[in-house]
Amino acid sequence: MSMGLRRAGGIVGVMGGMGLAAWLVFGGPQDWDGGLRLVRHGLALVSLGAINGGAWLVFSGRQDDASDVAAG
């Protein structure tokens, strides 16, 4: 997978996770009770996972680019 495609997918994941989190905080499911409350908490965990996964895709570098020797 090319780096540009990984970064684009990562940005989409981060933005989607942030959108889902914003909807959960400011949107309609504020009055969900009982079992739907657990669904709301599950969606919150999914949004955090999407943000984490997207950030990993954006900032994951190749081991070829890293150097073990400090410059200087």
PDB file of N, CA and C in Angstrom:
ATOM      1  N   MET A   1       0.847  -1.168   0.000  1.00  0.00           N
ATOM      2  CA  MET A   1       0.000   0.000   0.000  1.00  0.00           C
ATOM      3  C   MET A   1       0.894   1.232   0.000  1.00  0.00           C
ATOM      4  N   SER A   2       0.598   2.177  -0.834  1.00  0.00           N
ATOM      5  CA  SER A   2       1.445   3.366  -0.927  1.00  0.00           C
ATOM      6  C   SER A   2       1.224   4.278   0.281  1.00  0.00           C
ATOM      7  N   MET A   3       2.235   5.084   0.575  1.00  0.00           N
ATOM      8  CA  MET A   3       2.153   5.969   1.741  1.00  0.00           C
ATOM      9  C   MET A   3       1.044   7.006   1.580  1.00  0.00           C
ATOM     10  N   GLY A   4       0.852   7.494   0.367  1.00  0.00           N
ATOM     11  CA  GLY A   4      -0.202   8.478   0.137  1.00  0.00           C
ATOM     12  C   GLY A   4      -1.583   7.902   0.398  1.00  0.00           C
ATOM     13  N   LEU A   5      -1.781   6.669  -0.018  1.00  0.00           N
ATOM     14  CA  LEU A   5      -3.061   6.007   0.195  1.00  0.00           C
ATOM     15  C   LEU A   5      -3.287   5.716   1.686  1.00  0.00           C
ATOM     16  N   ARG A   6      -2.207   5.308   2.384  1.00  0.00           N
ATOM     17  CA  ARG A   6      -2.307   5.065   3.830  1.00  0.00           C
ATOM     18  C   ARG A   6      -2.665   6.350   4.565  1.00  0.00           C
ATOM     19  N   ARG A   7      -2.006   7.434   4.202  1.00  0.00           N
ATOM     20  CA  ARG A   7      -2.276   8.697   4.876  1.00  0.00           C
ATOM     21  C   ARG A   7      -3.669   9.211   4.582  1.00  0.00           C
ATOM     22  N   ALA A   8      -4.132   9.052   3.360  1.00  0.00           N
ATOM     23  CA  ALA A   8      -5.497   9.468   3.020  1.00  0.00           C
ATOM     24  C   ALA A   8      -6.517   8.642   3.801  1.00  0.00           C
ATOM     25  N   GLY A   9      -6.290   7.344   3.881  1.00  0.00           N
ATOM     26  CA  GLY A   9      -7.183   6.494   4.668  1.00  0.00           C
ATOM     27  C   GLY A   9      -7.141   6.839   6.143  1.00  0.00           C
ATOM     28  N   GLY A  10      -5.957   7.189   6.643  1.00  0.00           N
ATOM     29  CA  GLY A  10      -5.829   7.590   8.034  1.00  0.00           C
ATOM     30  C   GLY A  10      -6.564   8.879   8.338  1.00  0.00           C
ATOM     31  N   ILE A  11      -6.481   9.830   7.431  1.00  0.00           N
ATOM     32  CA  ILE A  11      -7.186  11.097   7.626  1.00  0.00           C
ATOM     33  C   ILE A  11      -8.688  10.877   7.603  1.00  0.00           C
ATOM     34  N   VAL A  12      -9.151  10.027   6.695  1.00  0.00           N
ATOM     35  CA  VAL A  12     -10.588   9.708   6.641  1.00  0.00           C
ATOM     36  C   VAL A  12     -11.026   9.028   7.939  1.00  0.00           C
ATOM     37  N   GLY A  13     -10.200   8.128   8.468  1.00  0.00           N
ATOM     38  CA  GLY A  13     -10.525   7.461   9.724  1.00  0.00           C
ATOM     39  C   GLY A  13     -10.580   8.413  10.900  1.00  0.00           C
ATOM     40  N   VAL A  14      -9.615   9.320  10.981  1.00  0.00           N
ATOM     41  CA  VAL A  14      -9.604  10.291  12.077  1.00  0.00           C
ATOM     42  C   VAL A  14     -10.806  11.220  11.979  1.00  0.00           C
ATOM     43  N   MET A  15     -11.086  11.715  10.789  1.00  0.00           N
ATOM     44  CA  MET A  15     -12.222  12.626  10.629  1.00  0.00           C
ATOM     45  C   MET A  15     -13.555  11.915  10.893  1.00  0.00           C
ATOM     46  N   GLY A  16     -13.663  10.659  10.452  1.00  0.00           N
ATOM     47  CA  GLY A  16     -14.883   9.902  10.731  1.00  0.00           C
ATOM     48  C   GLY A  16     -15.065   9.636  12.216  1.00  0.00           C
ATOM     49  N   GLY A  17     -13.976   9.285  12.904  1.00  0.00           N
ATOM     50  CA  GLY A  17     -14.047   9.069  14.346  1.00  0.00           C
ATOM     51  C   GLY A  17     -14.405  10.339  15.097  1.00  0.00           C
ATOM     52  N   MET A  18     -13.840  11.461  14.660  1.00  0.00           N
ATOM     53  CA  MET A  18     -14.173  12.732  15.309  1.00  0.00           C
ATOM     54  C   MET A  18     -15.622  13.127  15.048  1.00  0.00           C
ATOM     55  N   GLY A  19     -16.097  12.850  13.843  1.00  0.00           N
ATOM     56  CA  GLY A  19     -17.498  13.148  13.529  1.00  0.00           C
ATOM     57  C   GLY A  19     -18.459  12.307  14.357  1.00  0.00           C
ATOM     58  N   LEU A  20     -18.140  11.015  14.496  1.00  0.00           N
ATOM     59  CA  LEU A  20     -18.978  10.135  15.313  1.00  0.00           C
ATOM     60  C   LEU A  20     -18.957  10.568  16.775  1.00  0.00           C
ATOM     61  N   ALA A  21     -17.783  10.933  17.278  1.00  0.00           N
ATOM     62  CA  ALA A  21     -17.681  11.378  18.664  1.00  0.00           C
ATOM     63  C   ALA A  21     -18.452  12.674  18.882  1.00  0.00           C
ATOM     64  N   ALA A  22     -18.361  13.598  17.928  1.00  0.00           N
ATOM     65  CA  ALA A  22     -19.109  14.851  18.048  1.00  0.00           C
ATOM     66  C   ALA A  22     -20.613  14.599  18.023  1.00  0.00           C
ATOM     67  N   TRP A  23     -21.054  13.666  17.178  1.00  0.00           N
ATOM     68  CA  TRP A  23     -22.480  13.353  17.133  1.00  0.00           C
ATOM     69  C   TRP A  23     -22.939  12.736  18.449  1.00  0.00           C
ATOM     70  N   LEU A  24     -22.103  11.884  19.031  1.00  0.00           N
ATOM     71  CA  LEU A  24     -22.475  11.265  20.299  1.00  0.00           C
ATOM     72  C   LEU A  24     -22.540  12.286  21.421  1.00  0.00           C
ATOM     73  N   VAL A  25     -21.663  13.277  21.402  1.00  0.00           N
ATOM     74  CA  VAL A  25     -21.642  14.276  22.471  1.00  0.00           C
ATOM     75  C   VAL A  25     -22.747  15.308  22.285  1.00  0.00           C
ATOM     76  N   PHE A  26     -22.901  15.820  21.074  1.00  0.00           N
ATOM     77  CA  PHE A  26     -23.828  16.922  20.841  1.00  0.00           C
ATOM     78  C   PHE A  26     -25.124  16.505  20.161  1.00  0.00           C
ATOM     79  N   GLY A  27     -25.226  15.280  19.688  1.00  0.00           N
ATOM     80  CA  GLY A  27     -26.339  14.870  18.845  1.00  0.00           C
ATOM     81  C   GLY A  27     -27.510  14.269  19.586  1.00  0.00           C
ATOM     82  N   GLY A  28     -28.250  13.431  18.856  1.00  0.00           N
ATOM     83  CA  GLY A  28     -29.516  12.905  19.317  1.00  0.00           C
ATOM     84  C   GLY A  28     -29.508  11.858  20.411  1.00  0.00           C
ATOM     85  N   PRO A  29     -28.474  11.034  20.593  1.00  0.00           N
ATOM     86  CA  PRO A  29     -28.628   9.909  21.517  1.00  0.00           C
ATOM     87  C   PRO A  29     -28.494  10.279  22.996  1.00  0.00           C
ATOM     88  N   GLN A  30     -28.777  11.507  23.372  1.00  0.00           N
ATOM     89  CA  GLN A  30     -28.648  11.905  24.774  1.00  0.00           C
ATOM     90  C   GLN A  30     -29.708  11.241  25.654  1.00  0.00           C
ATOM     91  N   ASP A  31     -30.840  10.882  25.081  1.00  0.00           N
ATOM     92  CA  ASP A  31     -31.921  10.309  25.877  1.00  0.00           C
ATOM     93  C   ASP A  31     -32.011   8.786  25.743  1.00  0.00           C
ATOM     94  N   TRP A  32     -30.977   8.149  25.225  1.00  0.00           N
ATOM     95  CA  TRP A  32     -30.988   6.699  25.111  1.00  0.00           C
ATOM     96  C   TRP A  32     -30.859   6.095  26.506  1.00  0.00           C
ATOM     97  N   ASP A  33     -31.765   5.178  26.847  1.00  0.00           N
ATOM     98  CA  ASP A  33     -31.760   4.541  28.160  1.00  0.00           C
ATOM     99  C   ASP A  33     -31.641   3.032  28.001  1.00  0.00           C
ATOM    100  N   GLY A  34     -31.297   2.377  29.089  1.00  0.00           N
ATOM    101  CA  GLY A  34     -31.248   0.924  29.115  1.00  0.00           C
ATOM    102  C   GLY A  34     -30.162   0.364  28.232  1.00  0.00           C
ATOM    103  N   GLY A  35     -30.564  -0.585  27.366  1.00  0.00           N
ATOM    104  CA  GLY A  35     -29.611  -1.250  26.483  1.00  0.00           C
ATOM    105  C   GLY A  35     -29.026  -0.322  25.434  1.00  0.00           C
ATOM    106  N   LEU A  36     -29.794   0.687  25.026  1.00  0.00           N
ATOM    107  CA  LEU A  36     -29.270   1.623  24.033  1.00  0.00           C
ATOM    108  C   LEU A  36     -28.145   2.476  24.610  1.00  0.00           C
ATOM    109  N   ARG A  37     -28.129   2.639  25.916  1.00  0.00           N
ATOM    110  CA  ARG A  37     -27.028   3.369  26.544  1.00  0.00           C
ATOM    111  C   ARG A  37     -25.714   2.614  26.344  1.00  0.00           C
ATOM    112  N   LEU A  38     -25.792   1.281  26.412  1.00  0.00           N
ATOM    113  CA  LEU A  38     -24.599   0.477  26.155  1.00  0.00           C
ATOM    114  C   LEU A  38     -24.153   0.586  24.704  1.00  0.00           C
ATOM    115  N   VAL A  39     -25.110   0.695  23.794  1.00  0.00           N
ATOM    116  CA  VAL A  39     -24.781   0.897  22.385  1.00  0.00           C
ATOM    117  C   VAL A  39     -24.068   2.234  22.207  1.00  0.00           C
ATOM    118  N   ARG A  40     -24.539   3.249  22.910  1.00  0.00           N
ATOM    119  CA  ARG A  40     -23.907   4.564  22.838  1.00  0.00           C
ATOM    120  C   ARG A  40     -22.457   4.503  23.330  1.00  0.00           C
ATOM    121  N   HIS A  41     -22.220   3.792  24.423  1.00  0.00           N
ATOM    122  CA  HIS A  41     -20.862   3.654  24.932  1.00  0.00           C
ATOM    123  C   HIS A  41     -19.998   2.824  23.970  1.00  0.00           C
ATOM    124  N   GLY A  42     -20.585   1.826  23.346  1.00  0.00           N
ATOM    125  CA  GLY A  42     -19.860   1.054  22.341  1.00  0.00           C
ATOM    126  C   GLY A  42     -19.472   1.909  21.144  1.00  0.00           C
ATOM    127  N   LEU A  43     -20.388   2.780  20.712  1.00  0.00           N
ATOM    128  CA  LEU A  43     -20.065   3.682  19.605  1.00  0.00           C
ATOM    129  C   LEU A  43     -18.964   4.662  19.991  1.00  0.00           C
ATOM    130  N   ALA A  44     -18.942   5.078  21.251  1.00  0.00           N
ATOM    131  CA  ALA A  44     -17.865   5.951  21.712  1.00  0.00           C
ATOM    132  C   ALA A  44     -16.521   5.227  21.634  1.00  0.00           C
ATOM    133  N   LEU A  45     -16.496   3.948  22.012  1.00  0.00           N
ATOM    134  CA  LEU A  45     -15.258   3.180  21.908  1.00  0.00           C
ATOM    135  C   LEU A  45     -14.845   2.976  20.455  1.00  0.00           C
ATOM    136  N   VAL A  46     -15.823   2.782  19.579  1.00  0.00           N
ATOM    137  CA  VAL A  46     -15.527   2.642  18.151  1.00  0.00           C
ATOM    138  C   VAL A  46     -14.928   3.933  17.606  1.00  0.00           C
ATOM    139  N   SER A  47     -15.453   5.078  18.026  1.00  0.00           N
ATOM    140  CA  SER A  47     -14.903   6.345  17.551  1.00  0.00           C
ATOM    141  C   SER A  47     -13.476   6.537  18.034  1.00  0.00           C
ATOM    142  N   LEU A  48     -13.183   6.158  19.276  1.00  0.00           N
ATOM    143  CA  LEU A  48     -11.808   6.250  19.768  1.00  0.00           C
ATOM    144  C   LEU A  48     -10.881   5.304  19.007  1.00  0.00           C
ATOM    145  N   GLY A  49     -11.376   4.112  18.681  1.00  0.00           N
ATOM    146  CA  GLY A  49     -10.586   3.175  17.895  1.00  0.00           C
ATOM    147  C   GLY A  49     -10.321   3.692  16.489  1.00  0.00           C
ATOM    148  N   ALA A  50     -11.312   4.353  15.892  1.00  0.00           N
ATOM    149  CA  ALA A  50     -11.121   4.905  14.552  1.00  0.00           C
ATOM    150  C   ALA A  50     -10.092   6.029  14.569  1.00  0.00           C
ATOM    151  N   ILE A  51     -10.126   6.856  15.599  1.00  0.00           N
ATOM    152  CA  ILE A  51      -9.142   7.932  15.712  1.00  0.00           C
ATOM    153  C   ILE A  51      -7.747   7.350  15.927  1.00  0.00           C
ATOM    154  N   ASN A  52      -7.649   6.354  16.785  1.00  0.00           N
ATOM    155  CA  ASN A  52      -6.355   5.718  17.046  1.00  0.00           C
ATOM    156  C   ASN A  52      -5.816   5.033  15.791  1.00  0.00           C
ATOM    157  N   GLY A  53      -6.644   4.272  15.124  1.00  0.00           N
ATOM    158  CA  GLY A  53      -6.211   3.587  13.906  1.00  0.00           C
ATOM    159  C   GLY A  53      -5.843   4.551  12.790  1.00  0.00           C
ATOM    160  N   GLY A  54      -6.609   5.613  12.663  1.00  0.00           N
ATOM    161  CA  GLY A  54      -6.289   6.613  11.646  1.00  0.00           C
ATOM    162  C   GLY A  54      -4.974   7.311  11.924  1.00  0.00           C
ATOM    163  N   ALA A  55      -4.731   7.645  13.188  1.00  0.00           N
ATOM    164  CA  ALA A  55      -3.452   8.271  13.547  1.00  0.00           C
ATOM    165  C   ALA A  55      -2.299   7.308  13.304  1.00  0.00           C
ATOM    166  N   TRP A  56      -2.510   6.030  13.572  1.00  0.00           N
ATOM    167  CA  TRP A  56      -1.466   5.032  13.307  1.00  0.00           C
ATOM    168  C   TRP A  56      -1.159   4.958  11.818  1.00  0.00           C
ATOM    169  N   LEU A  57      -2.205   5.015  10.979  1.00  0.00           N
ATOM    170  CA  LEU A  57      -1.968   4.973   9.536  1.00  0.00           C
ATOM    171  C   LEU A  57      -1.240   6.216   9.043  1.00  0.00           C
ATOM    172  N   VAL A  58      -1.585   7.376   9.592  1.00  0.00           N
ATOM    173  CA  VAL A  58      -0.965   8.610   9.135  1.00  0.00           C
ATOM    174  C   VAL A  58       0.504   8.672   9.543  1.00  0.00           C
ATOM    175  N   PHE A  59       0.816   8.301  10.773  1.00  0.00           N
ATOM    176  CA  PHE A  59       2.157   8.510  11.304  1.00  0.00           C
ATOM    177  C   PHE A  59       3.020   7.253  11.340  1.00  0.00           C
ATOM    178  N   SER A  60       2.556   6.167  10.774  1.00  0.00           N
ATOM    179  CA  SER A  60       3.399   4.966  10.765  1.00  0.00           C
ATOM    180  C   SER A  60       4.413   5.094   9.637  1.00  0.00           C
ATOM    181  N   GLY A  61       5.672   5.050  10.012  1.00  0.00           N
ATOM    182  CA  GLY A  61       6.735   5.150   9.026  1.00  0.00           C
ATOM    183  C   GLY A  61       7.338   3.792   8.762  1.00  0.00           C
ATOM    184  N   ARG A  62       8.069   3.695   7.726  1.00  0.00           N
ATOM    185  CA  ARG A  62       8.754   2.452   7.395  1.00  0.00           C
ATOM    186  C   ARG A  62      10.020   2.331   8.227  1.00  0.00           C
ATOM    187  N   GLN A  63      10.444   1.103   8.471  1.00  0.00           N
ATOM    188  CA  GLN A  63      11.677   0.881   9.196  1.00  0.00           C
ATOM    189  C   GLN A  63      12.893   1.243   8.337  1.00  0.00           C
ATOM    190  N   ASP A  64      12.728   1.274   7.005  1.00  0.00           N
ATOM    191  CA  ASP A  64      13.827   1.649   6.126  1.00  0.00           C
ATOM    192  C   ASP A  64      14.218   3.105   6.315  1.00  0.00           C
ATOM    193  N   ASP A  65      13.225   3.948   6.655  1.00  0.00           N
ATOM    194  CA  ASP A  65      13.474   5.374   6.818  1.00  0.00           C
ATOM    195  C   ASP A  65      14.189   5.680   8.130  1.00  0.00           C
ATOM    196  N   ALA A  66      14.034   4.841   9.123  1.00  0.00           N
ATOM    197  CA  ALA A  66      14.627   5.093  10.430  1.00  0.00           C
ATOM    198  C   ALA A  66      16.090   4.669  10.443  1.00  0.00           C
ATOM    199  N   SER A  67      16.862   5.384  11.211  1.00  0.00           N
ATOM    200  CA  SER A  67      18.271   5.077  11.323  1.00  0.00           C
ATOM    201  C   SER A  67      18.599   4.768  12.771  1.00  0.00           C
ATOM    202  N   ASP A  68      19.435   3.762  12.992  1.00  0.00           N
ATOM    203  CA  ASP A  68      19.831   3.387  14.350  1.00  0.00           C
ATOM    204  C   ASP A  68      20.970   4.265  14.866  1.00  0.00           C
ATOM    205  N   VAL A  69      21.657   4.943  13.978  1.00  0.00           N
ATOM    206  CA  VAL A  69      22.810   5.753  14.356  1.00  0.00           C
ATOM    207  C   VAL A  69      22.365   7.196  14.477  1.00  0.00           C
ATOM    208  N   ALA A  70      22.678   7.818  15.613  1.00  0.00           N
ATOM    209  CA  ALA A  70      22.345   9.224  15.809  1.00  0.00           C
ATOM    210  C   ALA A  70      23.282  10.102  15.006  1.00  0.00           C
ATOM    211  N   ALA A  71      22.719  11.083  14.332  1.00  0.00           N
ATOM    212  CA  ALA A  71      23.540  12.000  13.558  1.00  0.00           C
ATOM    213  C   ALA A  71      24.177  13.027  14.495  1.00  0.00           C
ATOM    214  N   GLY A  72      25.394  13.379  14.210  1.00  0.00           N
ATOM    215  CA  GLY A  72      25.990  14.438  15.014  1.00  0.00           C
ATOM    216  C   GLY A  72      27.290  14.160  15.507  1.00  0.00           C
TER     217      GLY A  72
END
